[in-house]
Amino acid sequence: MEDPVELLGINQALRDGCRLHAFLSGGGLRVIRIKKDEELLGYGEHPQVEDALAHANEDWGAGHRPYAEVYGDSGTKMHYLTRSSTASSPLDCWLLAGRTFDAWGLVSGVVVFQLSGLVRVTLPQDILDEVLRTGQPATWDHRGYTYHIVPSNFPNGEPCVSIKVVSCPEGKESGDADSWMYHITKTGQGPDLWSAMENAFESPEVEVEQE
């Protein structure tokens, strides 16, 4: 990733009360917006998030220029029309999966970084290994759901497992999407954007109920 010193503008913007929001555009570009009171003060886009952040950092420092001055035919940056399907980092992979992240500053000067998005239910590796090794079924409780895991095989004979939901939280059904995918946030704090981001990736998931 970019050296944190390269994003001094973004760190200052967050301390000044701005909020950063990042998402994947319809064309697959990583997009960064820096806003304060709904006013756009910095913008960046690029096939990879590190460069998009660097562009937004520069744009904030320049007082936010019209889009055409930066990405138009006579702009200072290349105008990308398609995405990169290769992730440059865990943060870039997060956006590439269609998720988002936000950052903002606290009065104390601490930066808060929050990852948000939809994640898949993933069977713990130790349970997977145990079922494949022993050939015996197992159960796994996760988020109020109980999953039954049994050994199976792919058509080519390679071993695998089959998983089904056998018990659900009250008000849920085994066939609903929540049993296999769910929305989460992961939040971290730090003295600057990169530190807060690293702490966010290390933080536990918090499930977010969707309306």
C-alpha atoms as a PDB file:
ATOM      1  CA  MET A   1       0.000   0.000   0.000  1.00  0.00           C
ATOM      2  CA  GLU A   2       0.965   3.636  -0.272  1.00  0.00           C
ATOM      3  CA  ASP A   3       3.209   4.966   2.461  1.00  0.00           C
ATOM      4  CA  PRO A   4       0.941   6.668   5.048  1.00  0.00           C
ATOM      5  CA  VAL A   5       2.797   9.959   4.547  1.00  0.00           C
ATOM      6  CA  GLU A   6       1.313  10.085   1.049  1.00  0.00           C
ATOM      7  CA  LEU A   7      -2.184  10.415   2.539  1.00  0.00           C
ATOM      8  CA  LEU A   8      -1.560  13.306   4.901  1.00  0.00           C
ATOM      9  CA  GLY A   9      -4.339  15.236   3.160  1.00  0.00           C
ATOM     10  CA  ILE A  10      -6.924  12.546   3.859  1.00  0.00           C
ATOM     11  CA  ASN A  11      -5.825  12.258   7.478  1.00  0.00           C
ATOM     12  CA  GLN A  12      -6.178  16.020   7.877  1.00  0.00           C
ATOM     13  CA  ALA A  13      -9.579  15.977   6.166  1.00  0.00           C
ATOM     14  CA  LEU A  14     -10.816  13.357   8.635  1.00  0.00           C
ATOM     15  CA  ARG A  15      -9.542  15.412  11.559  1.00  0.00           C
ATOM     16  CA  ASP A  16     -11.357  18.417  10.081  1.00  0.00           C
ATOM     17  CA  GLY A  17     -14.688  16.596  10.232  1.00  0.00           C
ATOM     18  CA  CYS A  18     -14.846  15.087   6.747  1.00  0.00           C
ATOM     19  CA  ARG A  19     -16.022  11.550   6.081  1.00  0.00           C
ATOM     20  CA  LEU A  20     -14.489   9.219   3.514  1.00  0.00           C
ATOM     21  CA  HIS A  21     -16.616   6.664   1.680  1.00  0.00           C
ATOM     22  CA  ALA A  22     -15.293   4.055  -0.755  1.00  0.00           C
ATOM     23  CA  PHE A  23     -17.198   1.750  -3.083  1.00  0.00           C
ATOM     24  CA  LEU A  24     -17.009  -0.145  -6.367  1.00  0.00           C
ATOM     25  CA  SER A  25     -18.502   1.705  -9.341  1.00  0.00           C
ATOM     26  CA  GLY A  26     -20.801   0.054 -11.873  1.00  0.00           C
ATOM     27  CA  GLY A  27     -17.803  -0.248 -14.177  1.00  0.00           C
ATOM     28  CA  GLY A  28     -15.690  -1.801 -11.442  1.00  0.00           C
ATOM     29  CA  LEU A  29     -13.525   1.203 -10.575  1.00  0.00           C
ATOM     30  CA  ARG A  30     -12.619   1.815  -6.954  1.00  0.00           C
ATOM     31  CA  VAL A  31     -14.168   5.166  -6.016  1.00  0.00           C
ATOM     32  CA  ILE A  32     -13.250   7.395  -3.066  1.00  0.00           C
ATOM     33  CA  ARG A  33     -15.390  10.334  -1.949  1.00  0.00           C
ATOM     34  CA  ILE A  34     -14.474  12.799   0.789  1.00  0.00           C
ATOM     35  CA  LYS A  35     -17.451  14.797   2.029  1.00  0.00           C
ATOM     36  CA  LYS A  36     -18.339  17.249   4.755  1.00  0.00           C
ATOM     37  CA  ASP A  37     -21.972  18.174   5.379  1.00  0.00           C
ATOM     38  CA  GLU A  38     -22.876  16.488   2.057  1.00  0.00           C
ATOM     39  CA  GLU A  39     -20.418  18.707   0.139  1.00  0.00           C
ATOM     40  CA  LEU A  40     -17.935  16.779  -1.995  1.00  0.00           C
ATOM     41  CA  LEU A  41     -14.432  17.982  -1.107  1.00  0.00           C
ATOM     42  CA  GLY A  42     -12.267  15.257  -2.598  1.00  0.00           C
ATOM     43  CA  TYR A  43     -12.654  12.537  -5.221  1.00  0.00           C
ATOM     44  CA  GLY A  44     -10.575   9.726  -6.660  1.00  0.00           C
ATOM     45  CA  GLU A  45     -11.158   6.738  -8.935  1.00  0.00           C
ATOM     46  CA  HIS A  46      -8.850   4.049 -10.266  1.00  0.00           C
ATOM     47  CA  PRO A  47      -8.818   0.305 -10.997  1.00  0.00           C
ATOM     48  CA  GLN A  48      -7.003  -0.180  -7.662  1.00  0.00           C
ATOM     49  CA  VAL A  49      -7.867   1.347  -4.309  1.00  0.00           C
ATOM     50  CA  GLU A  50      -4.407   2.597  -3.346  1.00  0.00           C
ATOM     51  CA  ASP A  51      -4.261   4.837  -6.413  1.00  0.00           C
ATOM     52  CA  ALA A  52      -7.866   5.945  -5.938  1.00  0.00           C
ATOM     53  CA  LEU A  53      -6.979   7.021  -2.391  1.00  0.00           C
ATOM     54  CA  ALA A  54      -3.906   8.865  -3.657  1.00  0.00           C
ATOM     55  CA  HIS A  55      -6.063  10.683  -6.235  1.00  0.00           C
ATOM     56  CA  ALA A  56      -8.616  11.671  -3.575  1.00  0.00           C
ATOM     57  CA  ASN A  57      -5.806  12.807  -1.295  1.00  0.00           C
ATOM     58  CA  GLU A  58      -4.445  15.034  -4.062  1.00  0.00           C
ATOM     59  CA  ASP A  59      -7.890  16.332  -5.034  1.00  0.00           C
ATOM     60  CA  TRP A  60      -8.728  17.322  -1.455  1.00  0.00           C
ATOM     61  CA  GLY A  61      -5.442  19.207  -1.228  1.00  0.00           C
ATOM     62  CA  ALA A  62      -6.264  21.022  -4.483  1.00  0.00           C
ATOM     63  CA  GLY A  63      -9.649  22.158  -3.178  1.00  0.00           C
ATOM     64  CA  HIS A  64     -11.596  19.586  -5.253  1.00  0.00           C
ATOM     65  CA  ARG A  65     -11.417  20.183  -8.987  1.00  0.00           C
ATOM     66  CA  PRO A  66     -14.153  19.574 -11.576  1.00  0.00           C
ATOM     67  CA  TYR A  67     -14.143  15.966 -12.776  1.00  0.00           C
ATOM     68  CA  ALA A  68     -13.196  16.886 -16.359  1.00  0.00           C
ATOM     69  CA  GLU A  69     -10.076  18.708 -15.168  1.00  0.00           C
ATOM     70  CA  VAL A  70      -8.782  15.502 -13.628  1.00  0.00           C
ATOM     71  CA  TYR A  71     -10.180  12.624 -15.697  1.00  0.00           C
ATOM     72  CA  GLY A  72     -11.344  14.236 -18.943  1.00  0.00           C
ATOM     73  CA  ASP A  73      -9.565  14.233 -22.308  1.00  0.00           C
ATOM     74  CA  SER A  74      -7.347  17.068 -21.133  1.00  0.00           C
ATOM     75  CA  GLY A  75      -7.206  15.924 -17.506  1.00  0.00           C
ATOM     76  CA  THR A  76      -4.177  15.074 -15.426  1.00  0.00           C
ATOM     77  CA  LYS A  77      -5.145  11.443 -14.774  1.00  0.00           C
ATOM     78  CA  MET A  78      -5.868   8.543 -17.099  1.00  0.00           C
ATOM     79  CA  HIS A  79      -9.608   8.024 -17.581  1.00  0.00           C
ATOM     80  CA  TYR A  80     -10.131   4.317 -16.944  1.00  0.00           C
ATOM     81  CA  LEU A  81     -13.344   2.801 -18.272  1.00  0.00           C
ATOM     82  CA  THR A  82     -12.982  -0.756 -16.995  1.00  0.00           C
ATOM     83  CA  ARG A  83     -11.956  -2.346 -13.761  1.00  0.00           C
ATOM     84  CA  SER A  84      -9.058  -4.527 -12.756  1.00  0.00           C
ATOM     85  CA  SER A  85     -10.196  -8.002 -11.723  1.00  0.00           C
ATOM     86  CA  THR A  86      -6.957  -8.497  -9.793  1.00  0.00           C
ATOM     87  CA  ALA A  87      -6.847  -7.227  -6.213  1.00  0.00           C
ATOM     88  CA  SER A  88      -3.737  -5.331  -5.186  1.00  0.00           C
ATOM     89  CA  SER A  89      -4.271  -5.807  -1.433  1.00  0.00           C
ATOM     90  CA  PRO A  90      -6.797  -7.085   1.127  1.00  0.00           C
ATOM     91  CA  LEU A  91      -8.417  -3.634   1.091  1.00  0.00           C
ATOM     92  CA  ASP A  92      -8.686  -3.684  -2.701  1.00  0.00           C
ATOM     93  CA  CYS A  93     -10.114  -7.205  -2.530  1.00  0.00           C
ATOM     94  CA  TRP A  94     -12.748  -5.938  -0.086  1.00  0.00           C
ATOM     95  CA  LEU A  95     -13.996  -3.380  -2.617  1.00  0.00           C
ATOM     96  CA  LEU A  96     -13.656  -5.773  -5.547  1.00  0.00           C
ATOM     97  CA  ALA A  97     -16.172  -8.038  -3.797  1.00  0.00           C
ATOM     98  CA  GLY A  98     -18.733  -5.221  -3.936  1.00  0.00           C
ATOM     99  CA  ARG A  99     -18.284  -4.119  -0.337  1.00  0.00           C
ATOM    100  CA  THR A 100     -17.580  -0.643   1.029  1.00  0.00           C
ATOM    101  CA  PHE A 101     -15.552   1.138   3.664  1.00  0.00           C
ATOM    102  CA  ASP A 102     -15.854   4.433   5.523  1.00  0.00           C
ATOM    103  CA  ALA A 103     -13.519   6.516   7.641  1.00  0.00           C
ATOM    104  CA  TRP A 104     -14.065   9.493   9.905  1.00  0.00           C
ATOM    105  CA  GLY A 105     -12.298  11.325  12.697  1.00  0.00           C
ATOM    106  CA  LEU A 106     -13.146  11.724  16.362  1.00  0.00           C
ATOM    107  CA  VAL A 107     -12.745  14.887  18.425  1.00  0.00           C
ATOM    108  CA  SER A 108      -9.732  13.254  20.070  1.00  0.00           C
ATOM    109  CA  GLY A 109      -7.991  13.085  16.688  1.00  0.00           C
ATOM    110  CA  VAL A 110      -8.368   9.317  16.420  1.00  0.00           C
ATOM    111  CA  VAL A 111      -9.379   7.958  13.015  1.00  0.00           C
ATOM    112  CA  VAL A 112     -12.171   5.368  12.800  1.00  0.00           C
ATOM    113  CA  PHE A 113     -12.174   2.946   9.862  1.00  0.00           C
ATOM    114  CA  GLN A 114     -15.182   0.726   9.150  1.00  0.00           C
ATOM    115  CA  LEU A 115     -15.437  -2.113   6.646  1.00  0.00           C
ATOM    116  CA  SER A 116     -19.003  -2.962   5.597  1.00  0.00           C
ATOM    117  CA  GLY A 117     -20.451  -5.598   3.333  1.00  0.00           C
ATOM    118  CA  LEU A 118     -21.923  -8.984   2.633  1.00  0.00           C
ATOM    119  CA  VAL A 119     -19.910 -12.078   3.570  1.00  0.00           C
ATOM    120  CA  ARG A 120     -20.454 -15.786   3.018  1.00  0.00           C
ATOM    121  CA  VAL A 121     -20.727 -18.376   5.745  1.00  0.00           C
ATOM    122  CA  THR A 122     -17.371 -20.157   5.797  1.00  0.00           C
ATOM    123  CA  LEU A 123     -16.908 -23.505   7.487  1.00  0.00           C
ATOM    124  CA  PRO A 124     -13.946 -23.415   9.904  1.00  0.00           C
ATOM    125  CA  GLN A 125     -10.936 -25.200   8.464  1.00  0.00           C
ATOM    126  CA  ASP A 126     -10.506 -27.471  11.487  1.00  0.00           C
ATOM    127  CA  ILE A 127     -14.054 -28.833  11.138  1.00  0.00           C
ATOM    128  CA  LEU A 128     -13.602 -29.342   7.391  1.00  0.00           C
ATOM    129  CA  ASP A 129     -10.318 -31.162   7.949  1.00  0.00           C
ATOM    130  CA  GLU A 130     -11.814 -33.365  10.680  1.00  0.00           C
ATOM    131  CA  VAL A 131     -14.788 -34.476   8.557  1.00  0.00           C
ATOM    132  CA  LEU A 132     -12.548 -35.243   5.579  1.00  0.00           C
ATOM    133  CA  ARG A 133     -10.036 -37.085   7.764  1.00  0.00           C
ATOM    134  CA  THR A 134     -12.491 -39.218   9.739  1.00  0.00           C
ATOM    135  CA  GLY A 135     -15.347 -39.532   7.269  1.00  0.00           C
ATOM    136  CA  GLN A 136     -17.712 -38.780  10.151  1.00  0.00           C
ATOM    137  CA  PRO A 137     -20.461 -36.102  10.081  1.00  0.00           C
ATOM    138  CA  ALA A 138     -20.198 -33.048  12.311  1.00  0.00           C
ATOM    139  CA  THR A 139     -22.351 -30.137  13.429  1.00  0.00           C
ATOM    140  CA  TRP A 140     -21.368 -26.492  13.687  1.00  0.00           C
ATOM    141  CA  ASP A 141     -23.223 -23.669  15.442  1.00  0.00           C
ATOM    142  CA  HIS A 142     -22.794 -20.198  13.972  1.00  0.00           C
ATOM    143  CA  ARG A 143     -24.892 -17.042  14.442  1.00  0.00           C
ATOM    144  CA  GLY A 144     -27.750 -19.080  15.899  1.00  0.00           C
ATOM    145  CA  TYR A 145     -27.823 -21.505  12.963  1.00  0.00           C
ATOM    146  CA  THR A 146     -26.797 -25.149  13.258  1.00  0.00           C
ATOM    147  CA  TYR A 147     -25.123 -26.683  10.205  1.00  0.00           C
ATOM    148  CA  HIS A 148     -24.790 -30.417   9.529  1.00  0.00           C
ATOM    149  CA  ILE A 149     -21.641 -31.344   7.634  1.00  0.00           C
ATOM    150  CA  VAL A 150     -21.226 -34.741   5.970  1.00  0.00           C
ATOM    151  CA  PRO A 151     -18.437 -36.142   3.776  1.00  0.00           C
ATOM    152  CA  SER A 152     -19.116 -36.296   0.052  1.00  0.00           C
ATOM    153  CA  ASN A 153     -17.325 -36.391  -3.292  1.00  0.00           C
ATOM    154  CA  PHE A 154     -17.107 -34.260  -6.403  1.00  0.00           C
ATOM    155  CA  PRO A 155     -18.052 -35.951  -9.725  1.00  0.00           C
ATOM    156  CA  ASN A 156     -14.352 -36.613 -10.350  1.00  0.00           C
ATOM    157  CA  GLY A 157     -14.118 -38.508  -7.068  1.00  0.00           C
ATOM    158  CA  GLU A 158     -12.267 -35.810  -5.150  1.00  0.00           C
ATOM    159  CA  PRO A 159     -13.434 -35.665  -1.513  1.00  0.00           C
ATOM    160  CA  CYS A 160     -15.494 -32.721  -0.303  1.00  0.00           C
ATOM    161  CA  VAL A 161     -18.257 -32.035   2.215  1.00  0.00           C
ATOM    162  CA  SER A 162     -21.959 -31.296   1.961  1.00  0.00           C
ATOM    163  CA  ILE A 163     -23.520 -28.785   4.343  1.00  0.00           C
ATOM    164  CA  LYS A 164     -27.139 -28.138   5.229  1.00  0.00           C
ATOM    165  CA  VAL A 165     -28.940 -26.046   7.838  1.00  0.00           C
ATOM    166  CA  VAL A 166     -30.730 -28.152  10.455  1.00  0.00           C
ATOM    167  CA  SER A 167     -31.701 -25.449  12.951  1.00  0.00           C
ATOM    168  CA  CYS A 168     -32.362 -21.705  12.654  1.00  0.00           C
ATOM    169  CA  PRO A 169     -32.794 -18.737  14.989  1.00  0.00           C
ATOM    170  CA  GLU A 170     -36.356 -17.786  15.818  1.00  0.00           C
ATOM    171  CA  GLY A 171     -38.017 -16.047  12.881  1.00  0.00           C
ATOM    172  CA  LYS A 172     -35.585 -17.448  10.317  1.00  0.00           C
ATOM    173  CA  GLU A 173     -35.932 -20.311   7.845  1.00  0.00           C
ATOM    174  CA  SER A 174     -33.323 -22.795   6.639  1.00  0.00           C
ATOM    175  CA  GLY A 175     -33.752 -21.754   3.022  1.00  0.00           C
ATOM    176  CA  ASP A 176     -33.367 -18.023   3.535  1.00  0.00           C
ATOM    177  CA  ALA A 177     -30.346 -16.134   2.285  1.00  0.00           C
ATOM    178  CA  ASP A 178     -29.295 -15.155   5.817  1.00  0.00           C
ATOM    179  CA  SER A 179     -28.307 -18.734   6.561  1.00  0.00           C
ATOM    180  CA  TRP A 180     -25.541 -18.530   3.953  1.00  0.00           C
ATOM    181  CA  MET A 181     -24.721 -14.825   3.562  1.00  0.00           C
ATOM    182  CA  TYR A 182     -24.981 -11.933   5.979  1.00  0.00           C
ATOM    183  CA  HIS A 183     -24.027  -8.264   6.344  1.00  0.00           C
ATOM    184  CA  ILE A 184     -21.236  -7.277   8.694  1.00  0.00           C
ATOM    185  CA  THR A 185     -19.082  -4.402   9.823  1.00  0.00           C
ATOM    186  CA  LYS A 186     -15.505  -4.557  11.098  1.00  0.00           C
ATOM    187  CA  THR A 187     -14.320  -1.400  12.840  1.00  0.00           C
ATOM    188  CA  GLY A 188     -10.892  -0.226  13.926  1.00  0.00           C
ATOM    189  CA  GLN A 189      -9.314   2.915  15.316  1.00  0.00           C
ATOM    190  CA  GLY A 190      -5.857   4.389  14.998  1.00  0.00           C
ATOM    191  CA  PRO A 191      -3.824   7.584  14.719  1.00  0.00           C
ATOM    192  CA  ASP A 192      -4.145   7.608  10.919  1.00  0.00           C
ATOM    193  CA  LEU A 193      -6.076   5.979   8.076  1.00  0.00           C
ATOM    194  CA  TRP A 194      -3.751   3.025   7.489  1.00  0.00           C
ATOM    195  CA  SER A 195      -3.401   2.162  11.182  1.00  0.00           C
ATOM    196  CA  ALA A 196      -7.161   2.281  11.672  1.00  0.00           C
ATOM    197  CA  MET A 197      -7.648   0.163   8.544  1.00  0.00           C
ATOM    198  CA  GLU A 198      -5.239  -2.515   9.758  1.00  0.00           C
ATOM    199  CA  ASN A 199      -7.031  -2.626  13.106  1.00  0.00           C
ATOM    200  CA  ALA A 200     -10.396  -2.908  11.338  1.00  0.00           C
ATOM    201  CA  PHE A 201      -9.265  -6.012   9.465  1.00  0.00           C
ATOM    202  CA  GLU A 202      -8.124  -7.527  12.769  1.00  0.00           C
ATOM    203  CA  SER A 203     -11.375  -6.683  14.582  1.00  0.00           C
ATOM    204  CA  PRO A 204     -14.239  -9.157  15.080  1.00  0.00           C
ATOM    205  CA  GLU A 205     -17.233  -9.196  12.757  1.00  0.00           C
ATOM    206  CA  VAL A 206     -20.406  -7.467  13.922  1.00  0.00           C
ATOM    207  CA  GLU A 207     -23.494  -8.699  12.113  1.00  0.00           C
ATOM    208  CA  VAL A 208     -25.814  -5.959  10.865  1.00  0.00           C
ATOM    209  CA  GLU A 209     -29.505  -6.765  10.593  1.00  0.00           C
ATOM    210  CA  GLN A 210     -30.980  -5.570   7.309  1.00  0.00           C
ATOM    211  CA  GLU A 211     -34.422  -3.950   7.194  1.00  0.00           C
END
